[in-house]
Amino acid sequence: MVADGEERTYTDNISSRGVRVYSNRPWQLGDAVQVTPRNEGPARGNVVYCQTLEDGRFVIGVKFQDRPVMWSAMRRYDGLQSLLAKSKSS
């Protein structure tokens, strides 16, 4: 975990409309989040699901707000590492 609720995490699945990422803590449905991949601009979205994994971590689904996102990693997915942060707008 990083200060202010930021967390370095890994992406499991990504599309132009949303992302599935690992987390060390549970998230609530509707939580506003910001996902910022390495070397890319941030995207804001809301949590649409949170599942508990057997190892105690969580996996969350985030639906992007407003518009589709086209990160370069979507053209060549290789285990995108990102920064997940609770948005200050919530």
PDB file of N, CA and C in Angstrom:
ATOM      1  N   MET A   1       0.834  -1.185   0.000  1.00  0.00           N
ATOM      2  CA  MET A   1       0.000   0.000   0.000  1.00  0.00           C
ATOM      3  C   MET A   1       0.880   1.249   0.000  1.00  0.00           C
ATOM      4  N   VAL A   2       0.391   2.246  -0.639  1.00  0.00           N
ATOM      5  CA  VAL A   2       1.057   3.530  -0.688  1.00  0.00           C
ATOM      6  C   VAL A   2       0.161   4.516   0.056  1.00  0.00           C
ATOM      7  N   ALA A   3       0.714   5.629   0.509  1.00  0.00           N
ATOM      8  CA  ALA A   3      -0.051   6.629   1.256  1.00  0.00           C
ATOM      9  C   ALA A   3      -1.307   7.059   0.503  1.00  0.00           C
ATOM     10  N   ASP A   4      -2.301   7.563   1.254  1.00  0.00           N
ATOM     11  CA  ASP A   4      -3.544   8.096   0.693  1.00  0.00           C
ATOM     12  C   ASP A   4      -4.387   7.051  -0.032  1.00  0.00           C
ATOM     13  N   GLY A   5      -4.298   5.792   0.368  1.00  0.00           N
ATOM     14  CA  GLY A   5      -5.141   4.775  -0.219  1.00  0.00           C
ATOM     15  C   GLY A   5      -4.671   4.259  -1.563  1.00  0.00           C
ATOM     16  N   GLU A   6      -3.493   4.661  -1.998  1.00  0.00           N
ATOM     17  CA  GLU A   6      -2.970   4.151  -3.260  1.00  0.00           C
ATOM     18  C   GLU A   6      -2.378   2.768  -3.053  1.00  0.00           C
ATOM     19  N   GLU A   7      -2.459   1.971  -4.086  1.00  0.00           N
ATOM     20  CA  GLU A   7      -1.973   0.597  -4.013  1.00  0.00           C
ATOM     21  C   GLU A   7      -1.396   0.194  -5.363  1.00  0.00           C
ATOM     22  N   ARG A   8      -0.187  -0.330  -5.355  1.00  0.00           N
ATOM     23  CA  ARG A   8       0.383  -0.893  -6.585  1.00  0.00           C
ATOM     24  C   ARG A   8      -0.184  -2.290  -6.733  1.00  0.00           C
ATOM     25  N   THR A   9      -0.634  -2.588  -7.936  1.00  0.00           N
ATOM     26  CA  THR A   9      -1.333  -3.839  -8.149  1.00  0.00           C
ATOM     27  C   THR A   9      -1.078  -4.350  -9.561  1.00  0.00           C
ATOM     28  N   TYR A  10      -1.676  -5.473  -9.885  1.00  0.00           N
ATOM     29  CA  TYR A  10      -1.542  -6.061 -11.213  1.00  0.00           C
ATOM     30  C   TYR A  10      -2.906  -6.195 -11.869  1.00  0.00           C
ATOM     31  N   THR A  11      -2.909  -6.015 -13.157  1.00  0.00           N
ATOM     32  CA  THR A  11      -4.127  -6.123 -13.939  1.00  0.00           C
ATOM     33  C   THR A  11      -4.292  -7.556 -14.424  1.00  0.00           C
ATOM     34  N   ASP A  12      -5.490  -8.073 -14.283  1.00  0.00           N
ATOM     35  CA  ASP A  12      -5.805  -9.430 -14.718  1.00  0.00           C
ATOM     36  C   ASP A  12      -6.459  -9.426 -16.096  1.00  0.00           C
ATOM     37  N   ASN A  13      -7.234  -8.391 -16.370  1.00  0.00           N
ATOM     38  CA  ASN A  13      -7.963  -8.305 -17.628  1.00  0.00           C
ATOM     39  C   ASN A  13      -8.237  -6.839 -17.905  1.00  0.00           C
ATOM     40  N   ILE A  14      -8.208  -6.458 -19.186  1.00  0.00           N
ATOM     41  CA  ILE A  14      -8.403  -5.054 -19.533  1.00  0.00           C
ATOM     42  C   ILE A  14      -9.157  -4.946 -20.843  1.00  0.00           C
ATOM     43  N   SER A  15     -10.030  -3.954 -20.918  1.00  0.00           N
ATOM     44  CA  SER A  15     -10.729  -3.644 -22.164  1.00  0.00           C
ATOM     45  C   SER A  15     -10.892  -2.128 -22.217  1.00  0.00           C
ATOM     46  N   SER A  16     -11.455  -1.638 -23.284  1.00  0.00           N
ATOM     47  CA  SER A  16     -11.641  -0.190 -23.414  1.00  0.00           C
ATOM     48  C   SER A  16     -12.709   0.329 -22.452  1.00  0.00           C
ATOM     49  N   ARG A  17     -13.540  -0.553 -21.908  1.00  0.00           N
ATOM     50  CA  ARG A  17     -14.625  -0.131 -21.018  1.00  0.00           C
ATOM     51  C   ARG A  17     -14.394  -0.427 -19.544  1.00  0.00           C
ATOM     52  N   GLY A  18     -13.348  -1.221 -19.232  1.00  0.00           N
ATOM     53  CA  GLY A  18     -13.117  -1.543 -17.835  1.00  0.00           C
ATOM     54  C   GLY A  18     -11.872  -2.371 -17.632  1.00  0.00           C
ATOM     55  N   VAL A  19     -11.623  -2.712 -16.364  1.00  0.00           N
ATOM     56  CA  VAL A  19     -10.411  -3.435 -15.999  1.00  0.00           C
ATOM     57  C   VAL A  19     -10.706  -4.316 -14.786  1.00  0.00           C
ATOM     58  N   ARG A  20      -9.989  -5.420 -14.685  1.00  0.00           N
ATOM     59  CA  ARG A  20     -10.055  -6.313 -13.519  1.00  0.00           C
ATOM     60  C   ARG A  20      -8.668  -6.300 -12.906  1.00  0.00           C
ATOM     61  N   VAL A  21      -8.573  -5.890 -11.642  1.00  0.00           N
ATOM     62  CA  VAL A  21      -7.271  -5.759 -10.978  1.00  0.00           C
ATOM     63  C   VAL A  21      -7.287  -6.450  -9.624  1.00  0.00           C
ATOM     64  N   TYR A  22      -6.099  -6.850  -9.191  1.00  0.00           N
ATOM     65  CA  TYR A  22      -5.916  -7.431  -7.859  1.00  0.00           C
ATOM     66  C   TYR A  22      -5.792  -6.319  -6.835  1.00  0.00           C
ATOM     67  N   SER A  23      -6.216  -6.603  -5.604  1.00  0.00           N
ATOM     68  CA  SER A  23      -6.113  -5.635  -4.513  1.00  0.00           C
ATOM     69  C   SER A  23      -5.822  -6.365  -3.213  1.00  0.00           C
ATOM     70  N   ASN A  24      -5.200  -5.653  -2.293  1.00  0.00           N
ATOM     71  CA  ASN A  24      -4.921  -6.215  -0.968  1.00  0.00           C
ATOM     72  C   ASN A  24      -6.046  -5.968   0.019  1.00  0.00           C
ATOM     73  N   ARG A  25      -7.073  -5.237  -0.409  1.00  0.00           N
ATOM     74  CA  ARG A  25      -8.178  -4.928   0.499  1.00  0.00           C
ATOM     75  C   ARG A  25      -9.504  -5.035  -0.234  1.00  0.00           C
ATOM     76  N   PRO A  26     -10.596  -5.209   0.498  1.00  0.00           N
ATOM     77  CA  PRO A  26     -11.904  -5.284  -0.146  1.00  0.00           C
ATOM     78  C   PRO A  26     -12.374  -3.895  -0.588  1.00  0.00           C
ATOM     79  N   TRP A  27     -13.171  -3.860  -1.627  1.00  0.00           N
ATOM     80  CA  TRP A  27     -13.761  -2.628  -2.140  1.00  0.00           C
ATOM     81  C   TRP A  27     -15.266  -2.790  -2.127  1.00  0.00           C
ATOM     82  N   GLN A  28     -15.975  -1.685  -2.008  1.00  0.00           N
ATOM     83  CA  GLN A  28     -17.432  -1.688  -2.017  1.00  0.00           C
ATOM     84  C   GLN A  28     -17.949  -1.395  -3.417  1.00  0.00           C
ATOM     85  N   LEU A  29     -19.072  -1.983  -3.772  1.00  0.00           N
ATOM     86  CA  LEU A  29     -19.703  -1.686  -5.050  1.00  0.00           C
ATOM     87  C   LEU A  29     -19.945  -0.182  -5.150  1.00  0.00           C
ATOM     88  N   GLY A  30     -19.613   0.379  -6.272  1.00  0.00           N
ATOM     89  CA  GLY A  30     -19.822   1.809  -6.490  1.00  0.00           C
ATOM     90  C   GLY A  30     -18.661   2.690  -6.068  1.00  0.00           C
ATOM     91  N   ASP A  31     -17.665   2.146  -5.327  1.00  0.00           N
ATOM     92  CA  ASP A  31     -16.512   2.964  -4.949  1.00  0.00           C
ATOM     93  C   ASP A  31     -15.906   3.593  -6.198  1.00  0.00           C
ATOM     94  N   ALA A  32     -15.599   4.870  -6.119  1.00  0.00           N
ATOM     95  CA  ALA A  32     -14.925   5.558  -7.220  1.00  0.00           C
ATOM     96  C   ALA A  32     -13.428   5.306  -7.101  1.00  0.00           C
ATOM     97  N   VAL A  33     -12.817   4.898  -8.202  1.00  0.00           N
ATOM     98  CA  VAL A  33     -11.384   4.600  -8.208  1.00  0.00           C
ATOM     99  C   VAL A  33     -10.720   5.240  -9.423  1.00  0.00           C
ATOM    100  N   GLN A  34      -9.417   5.350  -9.318  1.00  0.00           N
ATOM    101  CA  GLN A  34      -8.605   5.802 -10.439  1.00  0.00           C
ATOM    102  C   GLN A  34      -7.557   4.739 -10.699  1.00  0.00           C
ATOM    103  N   VAL A  35      -7.442   4.289 -11.930  1.00  0.00           N
ATOM    104  CA  VAL A  35      -6.462   3.286 -12.324  1.00  0.00           C
ATOM    105  C   VAL A  35      -5.447   3.976 -13.230  1.00  0.00           C
ATOM    106  N   THR A  36      -4.167   3.866 -12.849  1.00  0.00           N
ATOM    107  CA  THR A  36      -3.114   4.517 -13.619  1.00  0.00           C
ATOM    108  C   THR A  36      -2.037   3.497 -13.966  1.00  0.00           C
ATOM    109  N   PRO A  37      -2.035   3.002 -15.195  1.00  0.00           N
ATOM    110  CA  PRO A  37      -0.980   2.076 -15.609  1.00  0.00           C
ATOM    111  C   PRO A  37       0.367   2.793 -15.692  1.00  0.00           C
ATOM    112  N   ARG A  38       1.418   2.005 -15.592  1.00  0.00           N
ATOM    113  CA  ARG A  38       2.762   2.556 -15.769  1.00  0.00           C
ATOM    114  C   ARG A  38       2.859   3.217 -17.138  1.00  0.00           C
ATOM    115  N   ASN A  39       3.386   4.426 -17.167  1.00  0.00           N
ATOM    116  CA  ASN A  39       3.632   5.172 -18.408  1.00  0.00           C
ATOM    117  C   ASN A  39       2.372   5.494 -19.201  1.00  0.00           C
ATOM    118  N   GLU A  40       1.230   5.601 -18.546  1.00  0.00           N
ATOM    119  CA  GLU A  40      -0.038   5.927 -19.209  1.00  0.00           C
ATOM    120  C   GLU A  40      -0.797   6.940 -18.362  1.00  0.00           C
ATOM    121  N   GLY A  41      -1.778   7.568 -18.961  1.00  0.00           N
ATOM    122  CA  GLY A  41      -2.647   8.479 -18.222  1.00  0.00           C
ATOM    123  C   GLY A  41      -3.665   7.711 -17.400  1.00  0.00           C
ATOM    124  N   PRO A  42      -4.211   8.344 -16.361  1.00  0.00           N
ATOM    125  CA  PRO A  42      -5.180   7.678 -15.491  1.00  0.00           C
ATOM    126  C   PRO A  42      -6.559   7.559 -16.135  1.00  0.00           C
ATOM    127  N   ALA A  43      -7.337   6.623 -15.616  1.00  0.00           N
ATOM    128  CA  ALA A  43      -8.739   6.470 -15.991  1.00  0.00           C
ATOM    129  C   ALA A  43      -9.538   6.332 -14.700  1.00  0.00           C
ATOM    130  N   ARG A  44     -10.674   6.987 -14.655  1.00  0.00           N
ATOM    131  CA  ARG A  44     -11.553   6.910 -13.487  1.00  0.00           C
ATOM    132  C   ARG A  44     -12.697   5.948 -13.780  1.00  0.00           C
ATOM    133  N   GLY A  45     -13.135   5.289 -12.717  1.00  0.00           N
ATOM    134  CA  GLY A  45     -14.243   4.357 -12.865  1.00  0.00           C
ATOM    135  C   GLY A  45     -14.860   4.032 -11.532  1.00  0.00           C
ATOM    136  N   ASN A  46     -15.763   3.064 -11.556  1.00  0.00           N
ATOM    137  CA  ASN A  46     -16.444   2.622 -10.343  1.00  0.00           C
ATOM    138  C   ASN A  46     -16.347   1.109 -10.219  1.00  0.00           C
ATOM    139  N   VAL A  47     -16.256   0.646  -8.985  1.00  0.00           N
ATOM    140  CA  VAL A  47     -16.188  -0.790  -8.706  1.00  0.00           C
ATOM    141  C   VAL A  47     -17.551  -1.415  -9.013  1.00  0.00           C
ATOM    142  N   VAL A  48     -17.533  -2.466  -9.828  1.00  0.00           N
ATOM    143  CA  VAL A  48     -18.773  -3.173 -10.159  1.00  0.00           C
ATOM    144  C   VAL A  48     -18.830  -4.558  -9.506  1.00  0.00           C
ATOM    145  N   TYR A  49     -17.687  -5.062  -9.040  1.00  0.00           N
ATOM    146  CA  TYR A  49     -17.678  -6.275  -8.228  1.00  0.00           C
ATOM    147  C   TYR A  49     -16.358  -6.380  -7.473  1.00  0.00           C
ATOM    148  N   CYS A  50     -16.387  -7.154  -6.384  1.00  0.00           N
ATOM    149  CA  CYS A  50     -15.189  -7.432  -5.591  1.00  0.00           C
ATOM    150  C   CYS A  50     -15.293  -8.873  -5.122  1.00  0.00           C
ATOM    151  N   GLN A  51     -14.324  -9.692  -5.531  1.00  0.00           N
ATOM    152  CA  GLN A  51     -14.320 -11.109  -5.162  1.00  0.00           C
ATOM    153  C   GLN A  51     -13.123 -11.400  -4.262  1.00  0.00           C
ATOM    154  N   THR A  52     -13.338 -12.222  -3.233  1.00  0.00           N
ATOM    155  CA  THR A  52     -12.264 -12.646  -2.349  1.00  0.00           C
ATOM    156  C   THR A  52     -11.575 -13.855  -2.958  1.00  0.00           C
ATOM    157  N   LEU A  53     -10.241 -13.820  -2.992  1.00  0.00           N
ATOM    158  CA  LEU A  53      -9.459 -14.943  -3.496  1.00  0.00           C
ATOM    159  C   LEU A  53      -9.024 -15.835  -2.339  1.00  0.00           C
ATOM    160  N   GLU A  54      -8.636 -17.060  -2.630  1.00  0.00           N
ATOM    161  CA  GLU A  54      -8.239 -18.014  -1.594  1.00  0.00           C
ATOM    162  C   GLU A  54      -7.028 -17.552  -0.801  1.00  0.00           C
ATOM    163  N   ASP A  55      -6.147 -16.767  -1.405  1.00  0.00           N
ATOM    164  CA  ASP A  55      -4.941 -16.318  -0.709  1.00  0.00           C
ATOM    165  C   ASP A  55      -5.161 -15.059   0.127  1.00  0.00           C
ATOM    166  N   GLY A  56      -6.423 -14.607   0.249  1.00  0.00           N
ATOM    167  CA  GLY A  56      -6.729 -13.444   1.079  1.00  0.00           C
ATOM    168  C   GLY A  56      -6.721 -12.125   0.328  1.00  0.00           C
ATOM    169  N   ARG A  57      -6.295 -12.152  -0.914  1.00  0.00           N
ATOM    170  CA  ARG A  57      -6.365 -10.931  -1.727  1.00  0.00           C
ATOM    171  C   ARG A  57      -7.762 -10.822  -2.332  1.00  0.00           C
ATOM    172  N   PHE A  58      -7.963  -9.757  -3.072  1.00  0.00           N
ATOM    173  CA  PHE A  58      -9.250  -9.509  -3.704  1.00  0.00           C
ATOM    174  C   PHE A  58      -9.014  -9.195  -5.172  1.00  0.00           C
ATOM    175  N   VAL A  59     -10.033  -9.415  -5.980  1.00  0.00           N
ATOM    176  CA  VAL A  59      -9.994  -9.008  -7.375  1.00  0.00           C
ATOM    177  C   VAL A  59     -11.238  -8.153  -7.592  1.00  0.00           C
ATOM    178  N   ILE A  60     -11.034  -6.988  -8.205  1.00  0.00           N
ATOM    179  CA  ILE A  60     -12.161  -6.077  -8.397  1.00  0.00           C
ATOM    180  C   ILE A  60     -12.349  -5.769  -9.879  1.00  0.00           C
ATOM    181  N   GLY A  61     -13.592  -5.555 -10.235  1.00  0.00           N
ATOM    182  CA  GLY A  61     -13.934  -5.116 -11.576  1.00  0.00           C
ATOM    183  C   GLY A  61     -14.238  -3.638 -11.533  1.00  0.00           C
ATOM    184  N   VAL A  62     -13.638  -2.891 -12.432  1.00  0.00           N
ATOM    185  CA  VAL A  62     -13.844  -1.446 -12.517  1.00  0.00           C
ATOM    186  C   VAL A  62     -14.403  -1.112 -13.891  1.00  0.00           C
ATOM    187  N   LYS A  63     -15.528  -0.433 -13.922  1.00  0.00           N
ATOM    188  CA  LYS A  63     -16.099   0.046 -15.175  1.00  0.00           C
ATOM    189  C   LYS A  63     -15.696   1.508 -15.326  1.00  0.00           C
ATOM    190  N   PHE A  64     -15.050   1.828 -16.455  1.00  0.00           N
ATOM    191  CA  PHE A  64     -14.607   3.195 -16.692  1.00  0.00           C
ATOM    192  C   PHE A  64     -15.799   4.124 -16.880  1.00  0.00           C
ATOM    193  N   GLN A  65     -15.623   5.378 -16.468  1.00  0.00           N
ATOM    194  CA  GLN A  65     -16.664   6.390 -16.604  1.00  0.00           C
ATOM    195  C   GLN A  65     -16.532   7.115 -17.934  1.00  0.00           C
ATOM    196  N   ASP A  66     -17.624   7.619 -18.402  1.00  0.00           N
ATOM    197  CA  ASP A  66     -17.696   8.567 -19.513  1.00  0.00           C
ATOM    198  C   ASP A  66     -17.321   8.031 -20.883  1.00  0.00           C
ATOM    199  N   ARG A  67     -16.097   7.514 -21.047  1.00  0.00           N
ATOM    200  CA  ARG A  67     -15.627   7.182 -22.389  1.00  0.00           C
ATOM    201  C   ARG A  67     -14.739   5.946 -22.348  1.00  0.00           C
ATOM    202  N   PRO A  68     -14.633   5.243 -23.469  1.00  0.00           N
ATOM    203  CA  PRO A  68     -13.707   4.104 -23.539  1.00  0.00           C
ATOM    204  C   PRO A  68     -12.262   4.589 -23.363  1.00  0.00           C
ATOM    205  N   VAL A  69     -11.420   3.744 -22.809  1.00  0.00           N
ATOM    206  CA  VAL A  69     -10.004   4.049 -22.586  1.00  0.00           C
ATOM    207  C   VAL A  69      -9.178   3.196 -23.539  1.00  0.00           C
ATOM    208  N   MET A  70      -8.196   3.792 -24.177  1.00  0.00           N
ATOM    209  CA  MET A  70      -7.355   3.060 -25.134  1.00  0.00           C
ATOM    210  C   MET A  70      -5.882   3.153 -24.732  1.00  0.00           C
ATOM    211  N   TRP A  71      -5.489   2.412 -23.704  1.00  0.00           N
ATOM    212  CA  TRP A  71      -4.091   2.373 -23.297  1.00  0.00           C
ATOM    213  C   TRP A  71      -3.285   1.546 -24.279  1.00  0.00           C
ATOM    214  N   SER A  72      -2.015   1.856 -24.391  1.00  0.00           N
ATOM    215  CA  SER A  72      -1.159   1.108 -25.322  1.00  0.00           C
ATOM    216  C   SER A  72      -1.072  -0.367 -24.952  1.00  0.00           C
ATOM    217  N   ALA A  73      -1.191  -0.714 -23.684  1.00  0.00           N
ATOM    218  CA  ALA A  73      -1.108  -2.113 -23.250  1.00  0.00           C
ATOM    219  C   ALA A  73      -2.248  -2.947 -23.830  1.00  0.00           C
ATOM    220  N   MET A  74      -3.332  -2.312 -24.212  1.00  0.00           N
ATOM    221  CA  MET A  74      -4.445  -3.056 -24.790  1.00  0.00           C
ATOM    222  C   MET A  74      -4.068  -3.603 -26.159  1.00  0.00           C
ATOM    223  N   ARG A  75      -3.102  -2.988 -26.779  1.00  0.00           N
ATOM    224  CA  ARG A  75      -2.627  -3.484 -28.064  1.00  0.00           C
ATOM    225  C   ARG A  75      -1.625  -4.618 -27.886  1.00  0.00           C
ATOM    226  N   ARG A  76      -1.012  -4.669 -26.684  1.00  0.00           N
ATOM    227  CA  ARG A  76      -0.020  -5.715 -26.400  1.00  0.00           C
ATOM    228  C   ARG A  76      -0.035  -5.989 -24.896  1.00  0.00           C
ATOM    229  N   TYR A  77      -0.976  -6.803 -24.446  1.00  0.00           N
ATOM    230  CA  TYR A  77      -1.141  -7.099 -23.030  1.00  0.00           C
ATOM    231  C   TYR A  77      -0.003  -7.982 -22.542  1.00  0.00           C
ATOM    232  N   ASP A  78       0.652  -7.544 -21.455  1.00  0.00           N
ATOM    233  CA  ASP A  78       1.745  -8.339 -20.892  1.00  0.00           C
ATOM    234  C   ASP A  78       1.773  -8.264 -19.376  1.00  0.00           C
ATOM    235  N   GLY A  79       0.612  -8.337 -18.744  1.00  0.00           N
ATOM    236  CA  GLY A  79       0.578  -8.283 -17.285  1.00  0.00           C
ATOM    237  C   GLY A  79       0.749  -6.867 -16.779  1.00  0.00           C
ATOM    238  N   LEU A  80       0.016  -5.950 -17.339  1.00  0.00           N
ATOM    239  CA  LEU A  80       0.077  -4.538 -17.010  1.00  0.00           C
ATOM    240  C   LEU A  80       0.128  -4.302 -15.505  1.00  0.00           C
ATOM    241  N   GLN A  81       1.094  -3.532 -15.055  1.00  0.00           N
ATOM    242  CA  GLN A  81       1.153  -3.142 -13.659  1.00  0.00           C
ATOM    243  C   GLN A  81       0.547  -1.758 -13.550  1.00  0.00           C
ATOM    244  N   SER A  82      -0.288  -1.549 -12.550  1.00  0.00           N
ATOM    245  CA  SER A  82      -0.964  -0.270 -12.431  1.00  0.00           C
ATOM    246  C   SER A  82      -1.007   0.192 -10.985  1.00  0.00           C
ATOM    247  N   LEU A  83      -1.446   1.416 -10.812  1.00  0.00           N
ATOM    248  CA  LEU A  83      -1.635   2.010  -9.502  1.00  0.00           C
ATOM    249  C   LEU A  83      -3.109   2.218  -9.316  1.00  0.00           C
ATOM    250  N   LEU A  84      -3.664   1.677  -8.265  1.00  0.00           N
ATOM    251  CA  LEU A  84      -5.086   1.747  -7.982  1.00  0.00           C
ATOM    252  C   LEU A  84      -5.266   2.686  -6.804  1.00  0.00           C
ATOM    253  N   ALA A  85      -6.141   3.671  -6.936  1.00  0.00           N
ATOM    254  CA  ALA A  85      -6.342   4.632  -5.857  1.00  0.00           C
ATOM    255  C   ALA A  85      -7.820   4.945  -5.725  1.00  0.00           C
ATOM    256  N   LYS A  86      -8.259   5.089  -4.482  1.00  0.00           N
ATOM    257  CA  LYS A  86      -9.624   5.515  -4.257  1.00  0.00           C
ATOM    258  C   LYS A  86      -9.736   6.959  -4.697  1.00  0.00           C
ATOM    259  N   SER A  87     -10.709   7.246  -5.530  1.00  0.00           N
ATOM    260  CA  SER A  87     -10.873   8.593  -6.067  1.00  0.00           C
ATOM    261  C   SER A  87     -11.336   9.544  -4.978  1.00  0.00           C
ATOM    262  N   LYS A  88     -10.867  10.755  -5.020  1.00  0.00           N
ATOM    263  CA  LYS A  88     -11.237  11.753  -4.026  1.00  0.00           C
ATOM    264  C   LYS A  88     -12.643  12.300  -4.258  1.00  0.00           C
ATOM    265  N   SER A  89     -13.253  11.982  -5.394  1.00  0.00           N
ATOM    266  CA  SER A  89     -14.587  12.502  -5.709  1.00  0.00           C
ATOM    267  C   SER A  89     -15.704  11.752  -4.995  1.00  0.00           C
ATOM    268  N   SER A  90     -15.383  10.629  -4.334  1.00  0.00           N
ATOM    269  CA  SER A  90     -16.439   9.867  -3.661  1.00  0.00           C
ATOM    270  C   SER A  90     -16.625  10.306  -2.226  1.00  0.00           C
TER     271      SER A  90
END
